[in-house]
Amino acid sequence: MTGRRSASASAVLRVVLDEGAIARSTIARRTGLSAAAVTGHVAELMRRGFLTELPEVAGAVGRPHVPVDLDTERFVVCGAHIAVDHLTVGLLDLRGKVLAQLEAPHHGAEPAVQVAQIAELLDDLLIGHAPDRTPLGLGVATGGWVDEASGTVVEHGLLGWRGVPLRELLTEVTGLDVRVDGHSRALIHAERLLGQPRARSSVVQLFTGNVVDAAFATGETVHHGPRSAAGAVAHLRVDDSEEPCRCGRSGCLEATVSERTVVRKAVEAGIAEKPTFAEVLHLAASGNKGAIDIFQERARIIGQAAALLFDVLNPEILIVLDQSVRDVEGCLSTIRDEVSQRSWICQNATENVVSSSFPGTELATAGGAVTLNALYEDPLFTHLANVS
């Protein structure tokens, strides 16, 4: 009975997320629940602070109705993303809107150091941007092999992490309900809740940064595999690459397209002496031909991997999250062209291969989506209930 009650409350809350201000009678039609059941669930969700009533609206026919909507003023969802060189923290409302975000270089790669830095950055954001809101929880996304069930980073080669109990460490220093997941799965949750409606059918998320990985979902299920190891595409062999990889082989996808490789190639091409990835990206976005050529070749390699994933998993859409797709003209088109040439089943790459729905806030959104997904899956969850 408890499971059915939670599922029904989830259905109600998701309809309000999708539709905005909505009458209880419309919620009943959308969900197939009885009017009495909807009234009960709305009352409970209002008691917990997730829904609020709006002023009465005159109906076209019959009595006026009182719509309900998400209460986007009471709570704030905290999100953090741990990248190889920097941290991103953000605050989101219940609709996934990023209210504020900060990005900072690591103080050091040690887990305890990064955990302390995340807590410090979050405190700054909460005091500066949400002093009167209640933190609902902290979602954390990162690359590498992440066991979502235990909140453990099983392995993150580029950070040198093995078996890091990240959820436990962050819970201890923040006092918040902490959830941890891989960033590609987190982004799928974000797209399905807040972004691409087609992602609810089936979706592949391909993430390309210093870490390269992927995630897949179909229907209501995001695939994890044993210990959440699914999506490890870093060592896929790609054509036309002899780039040495830390695994001891050459031509692996991650080694070929990583941000560090981009920086090295920019130096070798004489584009800049000691650039950061952001500086090379800015040069390309500003029209520097040498930088553009590096990103275009990189996009072609990413397209190879995208075509393979498309043929193996046959999703409704494949989403590529990469900064060059967002900032450098032509990179997404190059990826699509490569998918069109290589894929046996992708009929329309323009429609089926798309960029992220969250340009500029992708990493903060990924972190926040870990907690938002927990909320919308089970708004009656005990820890969430205790915030009211």
Protein backbone atom coordinates (compact mmCIF):
# COMPACT_ATOMS: atom_id res chain seq x y z
CA MET A 1 0.00 0.00 0.00
CA THR A 2 2.85 2.41 0.87
CA GLY A 3 4.48 1.79 -2.51
CA ARG A 4 1.23 2.45 -4.36
CA ARG A 5 0.66 5.63 -2.35
CA SER A 6 4.16 6.89 -3.18
CA ALA A 7 3.71 6.06 -6.89
CA SER A 8 0.41 7.97 -6.99
CA ALA A 9 1.92 10.98 -5.20
CA SER A 10 4.79 10.88 -7.70
CA ALA A 11 2.33 10.88 -10.61
CA VAL A 12 0.55 13.91 -9.19
CA LEU A 13 3.76 15.85 -8.62
CA ARG A 14 5.12 15.04 -12.09
CA VAL A 15 1.92 16.26 -13.76
CA VAL A 16 2.26 19.58 -11.96
CA LEU A 17 5.92 19.74 -13.01
CA ASP A 18 4.94 19.15 -16.63
CA GLU A 19 1.81 21.29 -16.79
CA GLY A 20 2.39 24.16 -14.38
CA ALA A 21 -0.62 25.65 -12.59
CA ILE A 22 -3.35 23.05 -12.89
CA ALA A 23 -6.75 22.17 -11.43
CA ARG A 24 -7.19 19.06 -9.33
CA SER A 25 -9.78 17.79 -11.80
CA THR A 26 -7.24 18.04 -14.62
CA ILE A 27 -4.66 16.17 -12.53
CA ALA A 28 -7.23 13.39 -12.08
CA ARG A 29 -7.75 13.16 -15.85
CA ARG A 30 -4.00 13.18 -16.58
CA THR A 31 -3.14 10.53 -13.99
CA GLY A 32 -6.24 8.33 -14.06
CA LEU A 33 -6.58 8.69 -10.29
CA SER A 34 -9.92 9.32 -8.64
CA ALA A 35 -10.84 12.87 -7.63
CA ALA A 36 -10.74 11.84 -3.98
CA ALA A 37 -7.26 10.33 -4.38
CA VAL A 38 -5.96 13.47 -6.10
CA THR A 39 -7.43 15.66 -3.37
CA GLY A 40 -5.67 13.58 -0.73
CA HIS A 41 -2.31 13.55 -2.50
CA VAL A 42 -2.43 17.29 -3.20
CA ALA A 43 -3.19 17.96 0.45
CA GLU A 44 -0.23 15.82 1.55
CA LEU A 45 2.13 17.43 -0.98
CA MET A 46 0.99 20.87 0.16
CA ARG A 47 1.61 19.87 3.79
CA ARG A 48 5.17 18.92 2.86
CA GLY A 49 5.67 22.23 1.09
CA PHE A 50 6.03 20.91 -2.46
CA LEU A 51 2.74 22.32 -3.80
CA THR A 52 0.91 25.57 -3.20
CA GLU A 53 -2.57 26.84 -4.05
CA LEU A 54 -2.96 29.77 -6.41
CA PRO A 55 -5.80 32.31 -6.52
CA GLU A 56 -9.18 30.98 -7.65
CA VAL A 57 -9.75 30.90 -11.40
CA ALA A 58 -13.15 31.16 -13.07
CA GLY A 59 -13.82 28.10 -15.20
CA ALA A 60 -15.32 28.21 -18.67
CA VAL A 61 -18.10 25.94 -17.46
CA GLY A 62 -19.25 25.26 -13.92
CA ARG A 63 -17.74 26.40 -10.63
CA PRO A 64 -14.47 28.28 -10.30
CA HIS A 65 -11.46 26.13 -9.44
CA VAL A 66 -8.38 26.67 -7.31
CA PRO A 67 -5.26 25.61 -9.26
CA VAL A 68 -2.15 24.22 -7.61
CA ASP A 69 1.46 24.61 -8.67
CA LEU A 70 4.92 23.74 -7.45
CA ASP A 71 6.06 25.88 -4.57
CA THR A 72 9.31 27.21 -6.01
CA GLU A 73 9.96 29.63 -3.15
CA ARG A 74 10.19 27.44 -0.04
CA PHE A 75 12.94 24.94 -0.84
CA VAL A 76 16.24 24.98 -2.63
CA VAL A 77 17.96 21.94 -4.11
CA CYS A 78 21.75 21.92 -3.83
CA GLY A 79 23.80 20.44 -6.65
CA ALA A 80 27.52 19.78 -7.08
CA HIS A 81 29.60 18.43 -9.92
CA ILE A 82 33.16 17.19 -9.45
CA ALA A 83 35.27 17.50 -12.60
CA VAL A 84 38.92 16.67 -13.07
CA ASP A 85 40.16 20.24 -12.61
CA HIS A 86 37.31 22.11 -10.96
CA LEU A 87 34.13 21.99 -8.89
CA THR A 88 30.73 23.40 -9.81
CA VAL A 89 28.06 23.99 -7.19
CA GLY A 90 24.58 25.36 -7.74
CA LEU A 91 21.18 26.02 -6.23
CA LEU A 92 18.01 24.97 -8.05
CA ASP A 93 14.31 25.36 -7.38
CA LEU A 94 11.81 22.51 -7.66
CA ARG A 95 11.42 23.12 -11.40
CA GLY A 96 15.15 22.65 -11.91
CA LYS A 97 15.81 26.33 -12.58
CA VAL A 98 19.37 27.18 -11.60
CA LEU A 99 19.12 30.12 -9.21
CA ALA A 100 22.86 30.54 -8.70
CA GLN A 101 26.06 28.64 -9.46
CA LEU A 102 29.76 28.87 -8.71
CA GLU A 103 32.74 27.23 -10.38
CA ALA A 104 36.12 26.99 -8.68
CA PRO A 105 39.42 25.17 -9.26
CA HIS A 106 40.15 22.29 -6.90
CA HIS A 107 42.08 23.01 -3.75
CA GLY A 108 43.47 19.49 -4.20
CA ALA A 109 42.47 16.07 -5.48
CA GLU A 110 42.12 14.46 -2.04
CA PRO A 111 38.46 13.55 -1.37
CA ALA A 112 38.41 15.21 2.07
CA VAL A 113 39.74 18.45 0.58
CA GLN A 114 37.15 18.50 -2.19
CA VAL A 115 34.34 17.63 0.23
CA ALA A 116 35.32 20.55 2.47
CA GLN A 117 35.50 22.87 -0.53
CA ILE A 118 32.04 21.81 -1.74
CA ALA A 119 30.62 22.52 1.72
CA GLU A 120 32.30 25.94 1.79
CA LEU A 121 31.05 26.90 -1.68
CA LEU A 122 27.52 25.76 -0.84
CA ASP A 123 27.51 27.81 2.35
CA ASP A 124 28.50 30.88 0.33
CA LEU A 125 25.70 30.26 -2.18
CA LEU A 126 23.04 29.58 0.45
CA ILE A 127 23.92 32.67 2.47
CA GLY A 128 24.19 34.88 -0.60
CA HIS A 129 21.26 33.63 -2.69
CA ALA A 130 18.84 31.58 -0.58
CA PRO A 131 19.04 32.71 3.06
CA ASP A 132 15.33 32.15 3.64
CA ARG A 133 14.96 28.82 1.81
CA THR A 134 15.23 25.33 3.28
CA PRO A 135 17.82 23.08 1.60
CA LEU A 136 16.01 19.96 0.41
CA GLY A 137 19.17 17.93 -0.13
CA LEU A 138 22.45 17.78 -2.00
CA GLY A 139 22.86 15.93 -5.28
CA VAL A 140 26.38 15.21 -6.49
CA ALA A 141 27.42 14.11 -9.97
CA THR A 142 30.85 13.12 -11.17
CA GLY A 143 32.54 11.05 -13.84
CA GLY A 144 34.16 7.68 -13.50
CA TRP A 145 32.54 4.61 -11.98
CA VAL A 146 29.96 5.66 -9.40
CA ASP A 147 27.85 3.23 -7.38
CA GLU A 148 24.64 5.17 -6.92
CA ALA A 149 23.14 2.76 -4.38
CA SER A 150 25.96 3.23 -1.87
CA GLY A 151 27.00 6.75 -2.88
CA THR A 152 30.54 5.53 -3.54
CA VAL A 153 32.97 6.56 -6.25
CA VAL A 154 34.26 3.10 -7.07
CA GLU A 155 36.95 4.41 -9.40
CA HIS A 156 37.83 7.76 -10.93
CA GLY A 157 41.16 7.24 -12.66
CA LEU A 158 41.88 10.87 -13.49
CA LEU A 159 41.31 11.96 -9.88
CA GLY A 160 43.10 8.91 -8.50
CA TRP A 161 40.04 7.93 -6.45
CA ARG A 162 39.14 4.37 -5.50
CA GLY A 163 36.35 3.36 -3.16
CA VAL A 164 35.63 6.91 -1.95
CA PRO A 165 32.45 6.98 0.24
CA LEU A 166 31.44 10.37 -1.13
CA ARG A 167 27.86 10.34 0.17
CA GLU A 168 29.04 9.50 3.69
CA LEU A 169 31.73 12.19 3.65
CA LEU A 170 29.40 14.93 2.38
CA THR A 171 26.58 13.97 4.71
CA GLU A 172 28.96 14.34 7.63
CA VAL A 173 30.15 17.84 6.71
CA THR A 174 26.86 19.29 5.36
CA GLY A 175 24.18 17.56 7.42
CA LEU A 176 22.08 17.30 4.26
CA ASP A 177 20.40 14.32 2.61
CA VAL A 178 23.11 13.53 0.01
CA ARG A 179 22.67 11.53 -3.21
CA VAL A 180 25.55 10.66 -5.56
CA ASP A 181 25.46 9.40 -9.14
CA GLY A 182 27.45 9.40 -12.36
CA HIS A 183 27.09 12.59 -14.34
CA SER A 184 25.71 10.96 -17.51
CA ARG A 185 22.92 9.22 -15.57
CA ALA A 186 22.27 12.43 -13.67
CA LEU A 187 21.91 14.33 -16.95
CA ILE A 188 19.44 11.72 -18.22
CA HIS A 189 17.34 12.34 -15.12
CA ALA A 190 17.52 16.07 -15.85
CA GLU A 191 16.50 15.65 -19.48
CA ARG A 192 13.60 13.34 -18.65
CA LEU A 193 12.29 15.57 -15.87
CA LEU A 194 13.04 19.03 -17.19
CA GLY A 195 14.30 18.93 -20.77
CA GLN A 196 13.65 16.63 -23.71
CA PRO A 197 10.19 14.99 -23.58
CA ARG A 198 11.38 12.37 -26.11
CA ALA A 199 13.98 11.24 -23.58
CA ARG A 200 11.16 9.59 -21.64
CA SER A 201 10.83 7.03 -24.41
CA SER A 202 14.50 6.10 -24.74
CA VAL A 203 17.70 8.09 -24.64
CA VAL A 204 21.49 7.83 -24.74
CA GLN A 205 23.52 10.55 -23.02
CA LEU A 206 27.13 10.92 -24.19
CA PHE A 207 29.36 13.11 -22.02
CA THR A 208 32.69 14.29 -23.39
CA GLY A 209 35.05 16.30 -21.21
CA ASN A 210 38.24 15.11 -19.58
CA VAL A 211 36.12 12.13 -18.58
CA VAL A 212 34.14 10.48 -21.37
CA ASP A 213 31.22 8.24 -20.49
CA ALA A 214 27.62 7.47 -21.41
CA ALA A 215 24.28 6.40 -19.96
CA PHE A 216 21.13 4.81 -21.36
CA ALA A 217 17.48 4.77 -20.37
CA THR A 218 14.34 3.25 -21.78
CA GLY A 219 10.83 3.71 -20.49
CA GLU A 220 11.03 4.48 -16.78
CA THR A 221 14.38 2.75 -16.30
CA VAL A 222 17.85 4.25 -16.35
CA HIS A 223 20.22 1.32 -16.81
CA HIS A 224 22.86 0.95 -14.08
CA GLY A 225 24.20 -2.58 -14.40
CA PRO A 226 25.92 -4.37 -11.51
CA ARG A 227 27.31 -1.76 -9.08
CA SER A 228 26.28 0.97 -11.52
CA ALA A 229 29.15 0.24 -13.90
CA ALA A 230 27.14 0.70 -17.14
CA GLY A 231 28.22 3.40 -19.60
CA ALA A 232 31.98 2.88 -19.55
CA VAL A 233 32.87 3.98 -23.09
CA ALA A 234 36.21 5.64 -22.33
CA HIS A 235 38.20 2.80 -23.89
CA LEU A 236 36.19 2.30 -27.04
CA ARG A 237 38.64 2.07 -29.95
CA VAL A 238 38.15 4.83 -32.51
CA ASP A 239 39.43 5.11 -36.07
CA ASP A 240 42.33 7.34 -37.12
CA SER A 241 43.78 7.71 -33.64
CA GLU A 242 47.02 6.50 -32.12
CA GLU A 243 46.63 8.67 -29.03
CA PRO A 244 48.26 6.86 -26.08
CA CYS A 245 45.90 6.01 -23.25
CA ARG A 246 46.58 5.49 -19.53
CA CYS A 247 45.24 1.93 -19.97
CA GLY A 248 48.38 1.10 -21.97
CA ARG A 249 46.72 0.92 -25.36
CA SER A 250 46.24 3.63 -27.98
CA GLY A 251 43.30 5.07 -29.87
CA CYS A 252 40.83 4.98 -26.95
CA LEU A 253 37.91 7.40 -27.16
CA GLU A 254 38.61 9.28 -23.92
CA ALA A 255 42.31 9.71 -24.60
CA THR A 256 41.58 10.94 -28.13
CA VAL A 257 38.92 13.56 -27.34
CA SER A 258 39.67 14.59 -23.74
CA GLU A 259 40.05 18.25 -22.93
CA ARG A 260 43.68 17.69 -21.97
CA THR A 261 44.37 16.29 -25.43
CA VAL A 262 42.78 19.39 -26.97
CA VAL A 263 45.10 21.60 -24.93
CA ARG A 264 48.18 19.61 -25.94
CA LYS A 265 47.21 19.76 -29.62
CA ALA A 266 46.72 23.52 -29.38
CA VAL A 267 50.24 23.88 -28.02
CA GLU A 268 51.67 21.60 -30.71
CA ALA A 269 49.88 23.64 -33.40
CA GLY A 270 51.36 26.86 -32.03
CA ILE A 271 47.94 28.29 -31.24
CA ALA A 272 48.92 29.21 -27.69
CA GLU A 273 51.87 28.54 -25.38
CA LYS A 274 50.19 27.41 -22.13
CA PRO A 275 46.47 27.54 -22.74
CA THR A 276 43.66 26.15 -20.64
CA PHE A 277 40.88 24.23 -22.34
CA ALA A 278 38.57 27.21 -21.81
CA GLU A 279 41.03 29.47 -23.62
CA VAL A 280 41.29 27.12 -26.61
CA LEU A 281 37.50 26.89 -26.67
CA HIS A 282 37.24 30.68 -26.63
CA LEU A 283 39.71 30.95 -29.50
CA ALA A 284 37.62 28.53 -31.56
CA ALA A 285 34.39 30.34 -30.70
CA SER A 286 36.08 33.60 -31.76
CA GLY A 287 37.00 32.21 -35.17
CA ASN A 288 40.61 31.05 -34.76
CA LYS A 289 41.01 28.58 -37.63
CA GLY A 290 43.59 26.39 -35.94
CA ALA A 291 41.44 25.98 -32.85
CA ILE A 292 38.34 25.35 -34.96
CA ASP A 293 40.16 22.61 -36.87
CA ILE A 294 41.07 20.86 -33.60
CA PHE A 295 37.47 20.90 -32.42
CA GLN A 296 36.10 19.83 -35.79
CA GLU A 297 38.38 16.77 -35.88
CA ARG A 298 37.41 16.02 -32.30
CA ALA A 299 33.72 16.29 -33.22
CA ARG A 300 34.27 13.77 -36.02
CA ILE A 301 35.68 11.27 -33.51
CA ILE A 302 32.81 11.92 -31.10
CA GLY A 303 30.46 11.25 -34.00
CA GLN A 304 32.04 7.82 -34.48
CA ALA A 305 31.23 6.89 -30.90
CA ALA A 306 27.74 8.36 -31.18
CA ALA A 307 27.02 6.27 -34.28
CA LEU A 308 28.12 3.10 -32.54
CA LEU A 309 25.99 3.84 -29.48
CA PHE A 310 23.03 4.64 -31.68
CA ASP A 311 23.26 1.34 -33.53
CA VAL A 312 23.74 -0.75 -30.38
CA LEU A 313 21.00 0.90 -28.31
CA ASN A 314 18.63 2.42 -30.93
CA PRO A 315 17.38 5.31 -28.76
CA GLU A 316 14.69 7.83 -29.60
CA ILE A 317 17.35 10.51 -29.15
CA LEU A 318 21.06 10.69 -28.42
CA ILE A 319 22.18 13.74 -26.45
CA VAL A 320 25.76 14.97 -26.66
CA LEU A 321 27.03 17.12 -23.82
CA ASP A 322 30.21 18.82 -24.88
CA GLN A 323 31.29 22.42 -24.50
CA SER A 324 32.31 22.70 -28.15
CA VAL A 325 28.82 21.64 -29.24
CA ARG A 326 27.51 24.57 -27.25
CA ASP A 327 30.14 27.16 -28.18
CA VAL A 328 31.83 26.30 -31.51
CA GLU A 329 29.75 26.65 -34.63
CA GLY A 330 29.61 23.52 -36.75
CA CYS A 331 30.66 20.94 -34.15
CA LEU A 332 27.17 19.50 -33.66
CA SER A 333 26.70 19.36 -37.43
CA THR A 334 29.97 17.45 -37.78
CA ILE A 335 28.85 14.92 -35.17
CA ARG A 336 25.52 14.51 -36.94
CA ASP A 337 27.23 14.07 -40.32
CA GLU A 338 29.44 11.33 -38.90
CA VAL A 339 26.41 9.57 -37.38
CA SER A 340 24.58 9.80 -40.72
CA GLN A 341 27.53 8.24 -42.55
CA ARG A 342 28.28 5.47 -40.06
CA SER A 343 24.99 4.48 -38.45
CA TRP A 344 22.88 1.75 -40.03
CA ILE A 345 19.67 2.74 -38.25
CA CYS A 346 19.71 6.49 -37.58
CA GLN A 347 17.41 7.87 -40.26
CA ASN A 348 17.54 11.55 -39.33
CA ALA A 349 20.56 12.66 -37.32
CA THR A 350 19.31 16.24 -37.18
CA GLU A 351 16.30 15.11 -35.18
CA ASN A 352 17.87 12.20 -33.34
CA VAL A 353 21.24 13.64 -32.27
CA VAL A 354 20.81 16.75 -30.12
CA SER A 355 22.66 18.94 -27.66
CA SER A 356 21.95 19.42 -23.97
CA SER A 357 18.79 21.23 -22.87
CA PHE A 358 20.79 23.14 -20.24
CA PRO A 359 23.46 25.24 -22.00
CA GLY A 360 25.63 27.05 -19.49
CA THR A 361 24.16 25.28 -16.46
CA GLU A 362 24.78 21.64 -17.42
CA LEU A 363 27.00 20.72 -14.48
CA ALA A 364 24.98 22.41 -11.74
CA THR A 365 21.86 20.87 -13.25
CA ALA A 366 23.45 17.42 -13.28
CA GLY A 367 24.16 17.61 -9.57
CA GLY A 368 20.75 19.01 -8.67
CA ALA A 369 18.98 16.44 -10.84
CA VAL A 370 20.27 13.62 -8.62
CA THR A 371 18.15 14.97 -5.75
CA LEU A 372 15.28 16.15 -7.95
CA ASN A 373 14.97 12.67 -9.42
CA ALA A 374 14.68 11.22 -5.91
CA LEU A 375 11.99 13.77 -5.06
CA TYR A 376 9.87 13.17 -8.15
CA GLU A 377 10.27 9.39 -7.90
CA ASP A 378 9.10 9.33 -4.29
CA PRO A 379 7.96 12.64 -2.76
CA LEU A 380 6.90 10.78 0.38
CA PHE A 381 10.41 9.51 1.05
CA THR A 382 11.17 9.71 4.77
CA HIS A 383 14.19 12.04 4.63
CA LEU A 384 12.39 14.43 2.31
CA ALA A 385 9.31 14.31 4.54
CA ASN A 386 11.38 15.50 7.48
CA VAL A 387 12.14 18.85 5.87
CA SER A 388 8.60 20.15 6.32
